[in-house]
Amino acid sequence: MKSNYHSKSTKPNPHNRFRTNQDIKTDRVRLLANDGTLIGVLNVQDALRIAELKNLDLVEIVPNSTPPVCKVIDFGKFLYEVQKKERERVQNQTQHTLKEIRFK
């Protein structure tokens, strides 16, 4: 029988949550700059070109909208901020414990 001692973590991988650069499969995207200002609705090739000129990544932030919202940002820094927010969210959750007293 195999031990589960070295099994992989069941936490979701944030790398799989966001599509970046060539993984974005739509024709047109709503493009936001690094500071959040709207650049406009462009086709993916133009958005990738803008990201390459700035030496940043094109990251799909809201894939369910029409057209999808993408942002020109540093993906490593973005992942760090997402993980940091997730850690803070988990730390701020309150644990409810039920104390039980039995009377005889």
Protein backbone atom coordinates (compact mmCIF):
# COMPACT_ATOMS: atom_id res chain seq x y z
CA MET A 1 0.00 0.00 0.00
CA LYS A 2 1.39 3.43 -0.99
CA SER A 3 1.78 6.14 1.56
CA ASN A 4 0.28 9.57 0.94
CA TYR A 5 3.17 11.18 2.79
CA HIS A 6 4.70 12.68 -0.36
CA SER A 7 1.45 13.46 -2.17
CA LYS A 8 1.07 16.78 -3.91
CA SER A 9 -0.80 19.63 -2.30
CA THR A 10 -4.48 19.99 -3.10
CA LYS A 11 -4.31 23.79 -3.13
CA PRO A 12 -5.23 25.32 -6.51
CA ASN A 13 -2.26 26.49 -8.53
CA PRO A 14 -2.61 30.23 -9.28
CA HIS A 15 -0.61 29.74 -12.48
CA ASN A 16 -3.51 27.75 -13.92
CA ARG A 17 -6.12 30.36 -13.03
CA PHE A 18 -4.87 33.04 -15.43
CA ARG A 19 -4.12 32.80 -19.14
CA THR A 20 -1.09 34.78 -20.26
CA ASN A 21 0.43 35.96 -23.54
CA GLN A 22 -0.01 33.28 -26.25
CA ASP A 23 -2.48 31.26 -24.11
CA ILE A 24 -5.20 33.88 -24.71
CA LYS A 25 -7.35 32.42 -27.50
CA THR A 26 -9.89 35.18 -28.22
CA ASP A 27 -9.74 37.58 -31.16
CA ARG A 28 -10.29 40.87 -29.32
CA VAL A 29 -9.58 41.97 -25.74
CA ARG A 30 -10.34 45.00 -23.59
CA LEU A 31 -6.86 46.17 -22.61
CA LEU A 32 -5.94 47.87 -19.35
CA ALA A 33 -2.59 49.47 -18.57
CA ASN A 34 -0.50 48.57 -15.53
CA ASP A 35 -2.09 51.41 -13.51
CA GLY A 36 -5.65 50.33 -14.46
CA THR A 37 -6.40 52.93 -17.14
CA LEU A 38 -8.32 51.71 -20.18
CA ILE A 39 -6.25 51.53 -23.37
CA GLY A 40 -9.12 50.25 -25.51
CA VAL A 41 -10.52 47.23 -27.31
CA LEU A 42 -7.76 45.71 -29.45
CA ASN A 43 -7.05 42.45 -31.18
CA VAL A 44 -4.77 40.07 -29.29
CA GLN A 45 -1.76 40.55 -31.57
CA ASP A 46 -1.73 44.32 -30.98
CA ALA A 47 -2.13 43.81 -27.22
CA LEU A 48 0.77 41.32 -27.22
CA ARG A 49 2.90 43.79 -29.16
CA ILE A 50 2.18 46.52 -26.59
CA ALA A 51 3.11 44.12 -23.75
CA GLU A 52 6.35 43.14 -25.48
CA LEU A 53 7.33 46.79 -26.01
CA LYS A 54 6.93 47.41 -22.28
CA ASN A 55 8.71 44.13 -21.37
CA LEU A 56 5.61 43.00 -19.46
CA ASP A 57 3.07 40.19 -19.78
CA LEU A 58 -0.46 40.22 -21.14
CA VAL A 59 -2.66 38.60 -18.47
CA GLU A 60 -6.35 37.75 -18.87
CA ILE A 61 -7.99 39.12 -15.71
CA VAL A 62 -11.73 38.67 -16.44
CA PRO A 63 -12.22 35.88 -19.01
CA ASN A 64 -16.04 35.75 -18.79
CA SER A 65 -16.75 39.29 -20.00
CA THR A 66 -17.26 40.24 -23.65
CA PRO A 67 -14.57 41.00 -24.77
CA PRO A 68 -12.31 39.51 -22.08
CA VAL A 69 -10.43 42.01 -19.92
CA CYS A 70 -6.64 41.76 -20.13
CA LYS A 71 -4.00 43.74 -18.31
CA VAL A 72 -0.40 44.55 -19.22
CA ILE A 73 1.49 43.69 -16.00
CA ASP A 74 4.46 41.81 -14.59
CA PHE A 75 2.98 38.32 -14.10
CA GLY A 76 5.38 37.30 -11.31
CA LYS A 77 4.53 40.37 -9.26
CA PHE A 78 0.83 39.87 -9.99
CA LEU A 79 0.94 36.24 -8.75
CA TYR A 80 2.75 37.36 -5.59
CA GLU A 81 0.02 39.93 -4.87
CA VAL A 82 -2.76 37.36 -5.52
CA GLN A 83 -1.13 34.85 -3.17
CA LYS A 84 -0.59 37.56 -0.54
CA LYS A 85 -4.29 38.53 -0.66
CA GLU A 86 -5.26 34.84 -0.40
CA ARG A 87 -3.04 34.39 2.69
CA GLU A 88 -4.57 37.49 4.31
CA ARG A 89 -8.08 36.25 3.53
CA VAL A 90 -7.36 32.89 5.17
CA GLN A 91 -5.80 34.55 8.22
CA ASN A 92 -8.80 36.83 8.69
CA GLN A 93 -11.30 33.96 8.72
CA THR A 94 -12.65 33.26 12.14
CA GLN A 95 -12.64 29.73 13.48
CA HIS A 96 -15.80 28.81 15.36
CA THR A 97 -15.32 26.21 18.04
CA LEU A 98 -18.14 24.56 19.89
CA LYS A 99 -17.43 23.70 23.47
CA GLU A 100 -19.42 20.86 24.84
CA ILE A 101 -20.32 20.36 28.49
CA ARG A 102 -22.12 17.23 29.66
CA PHE A 103 -24.30 17.22 32.73
CA LYS A 104 -25.08 14.04 34.57
